[in-house]
């Protein structure tokens, strides 16, 4: 019955911002390493950002300084604040939880276009 549900995707103009959310029913949520991946058309899936159980973070070079990952253990949610969006950020964004097992969300579309 584990479910990861992303939300917050949509269409934005270059330079704009979006905040993605992921509600994760994994338990115990606090022990899971949480990640955001994305897959652009014709491209391999890539790791965008991760946040550990200790709330340390890592980012892909392409988004460093523009994106921020965070978690709320009480709400069992993670977030991805995306600023200064470019056309290259267009992709389906996936939430992922990993500890003893890996779990994936269904993805949410982010389209950056003028």
Protein backbone atom coordinates (compact mmCIF):
# COMPACT_ATOMS: atom_id res chain seq x y z
CA UNK A 1 0.00 0.00 0.00
CA UNK A 2 3.01 2.30 -0.30
CA UNK A 3 2.23 5.31 -2.42
CA UNK A 4 4.28 8.29 -3.53
CA UNK A 5 2.24 11.06 -5.09
CA UNK A 6 3.82 14.06 -6.81
CA UNK A 7 2.05 17.34 -7.41
CA UNK A 8 2.80 20.90 -8.40
CA UNK A 9 3.94 20.44 -11.97
CA UNK A 10 2.73 22.62 -14.77
CA UNK A 11 3.63 25.13 -17.46
CA UNK A 12 5.93 28.03 -16.59
CA UNK A 13 7.87 30.62 -18.54
CA UNK A 14 11.66 30.69 -18.60
CA UNK A 15 12.92 32.38 -15.46
CA UNK A 16 9.86 31.34 -13.52
CA UNK A 17 9.46 29.14 -10.47
CA UNK A 18 7.57 26.04 -9.41
CA UNK A 19 7.36 24.08 -6.20
CA UNK A 20 6.86 20.34 -6.46
CA UNK A 21 5.51 18.25 -3.61
CA UNK A 22 5.61 14.53 -2.93
CA UNK A 23 3.47 12.81 -0.33
CA UNK A 24 5.03 9.49 0.67
CA UNK A 25 3.28 6.84 2.73
CA UNK A 26 6.49 4.89 3.47
CA UNK A 27 7.14 4.03 7.10
CA UNK A 28 9.20 5.02 8.97
CA UNK A 29 9.40 8.03 6.67
CA UNK A 30 12.16 9.67 8.71
CA UNK A 31 14.63 6.88 7.86
CA UNK A 32 14.18 7.09 4.12
CA UNK A 33 16.60 8.79 1.80
CA UNK A 34 14.39 10.85 -0.51
CA UNK A 35 15.17 11.91 -4.04
CA UNK A 36 13.87 13.79 -7.04
CA UNK A 37 14.65 12.44 -10.49
CA UNK A 38 13.64 13.76 -13.88
CA UNK A 39 13.44 12.43 -17.39
CA UNK A 40 13.37 14.72 -20.39
CA UNK A 41 12.20 13.57 -23.83
CA UNK A 42 14.85 11.41 -25.46
CA UNK A 43 17.10 11.57 -22.41
CA UNK A 44 18.11 9.20 -19.63
CA UNK A 45 16.53 9.59 -16.23
CA UNK A 46 18.79 11.68 -14.03
CA UNK A 47 19.06 12.36 -10.33
CA UNK A 48 18.18 15.98 -9.64
CA UNK A 49 18.39 16.22 -5.87
CA UNK A 50 18.52 14.08 -2.76
CA UNK A 51 17.94 14.60 0.92
CA UNK A 52 19.03 12.08 3.53
CA UNK A 53 17.43 11.05 6.80
CA UNK A 54 19.75 13.57 8.45
CA UNK A 55 18.57 16.27 6.03
CA UNK A 56 21.86 16.62 4.20
CA UNK A 57 21.34 17.52 0.55
CA UNK A 58 22.99 16.99 -2.81
CA UNK A 59 22.18 18.39 -6.23
CA UNK A 60 23.00 17.76 -9.84
CA UNK A 61 25.41 20.34 -11.20
CA UNK A 62 22.78 21.49 -13.67
CA UNK A 63 20.40 22.62 -10.92
CA UNK A 64 22.79 23.61 -8.14
CA UNK A 65 21.97 27.06 -6.86
CA UNK A 66 18.54 27.08 -8.49
CA UNK A 67 16.72 24.13 -6.90
CA UNK A 68 16.20 23.35 -3.22
CA UNK A 69 15.05 20.01 -1.82
CA UNK A 70 13.49 19.82 1.63
CA UNK A 71 11.51 17.40 3.77
CA UNK A 72 8.84 17.55 6.42
CA UNK A 73 8.93 14.34 8.43
CA UNK A 74 5.75 15.16 10.33
CA UNK A 75 3.81 15.49 7.08
CA UNK A 76 5.74 12.70 5.34
CA UNK A 77 6.39 14.98 2.38
CA UNK A 78 9.32 16.24 0.38
CA UNK A 79 9.50 19.32 -1.79
CA UNK A 80 11.50 20.68 -4.67
CA UNK A 81 11.61 24.44 -5.02
CA UNK A 82 12.66 25.24 -8.58
CA UNK A 83 13.75 28.77 -9.45
CA UNK A 84 15.19 30.40 -12.56
CA UNK A 85 13.74 27.67 -14.72
CA UNK A 86 15.09 27.14 -18.23
CA UNK A 87 13.92 25.18 -21.25
CA UNK A 88 16.36 22.42 -20.28
CA UNK A 89 14.40 21.82 -17.07
CA UNK A 90 11.42 20.51 -19.03
CA UNK A 91 10.89 16.91 -17.94
CA UNK A 92 8.73 14.53 -15.98
CA UNK A 93 9.81 14.78 -12.37
CA UNK A 94 9.68 11.70 -10.16
CA UNK A 95 9.76 11.35 -6.41
CA UNK A 96 11.72 8.37 -5.05
CA UNK A 97 12.14 6.90 -1.57
CA UNK A 98 14.91 4.46 -0.70
CA UNK A 99 15.88 2.61 2.44
CA UNK A 100 15.30 -1.14 2.56
CA UNK A 101 13.34 -0.92 -0.68
CA UNK A 102 12.92 1.59 -3.47
CA UNK A 103 9.60 3.27 -4.18
CA UNK A 104 8.67 5.57 -7.05
CA UNK A 105 5.94 8.06 -7.70
CA UNK A 106 4.04 8.34 -10.95
CA UNK A 107 5.70 11.59 -11.99
CA UNK A 108 4.55 15.13 -12.61
CA UNK A 109 5.14 17.07 -15.82
CA UNK A 110 7.13 20.30 -15.74
CA UNK A 111 7.13 22.27 -18.96
CA UNK A 112 9.20 25.44 -19.33
CA UNK A 113 8.16 27.36 -22.41
CA UNK A 114 7.64 30.90 -23.59
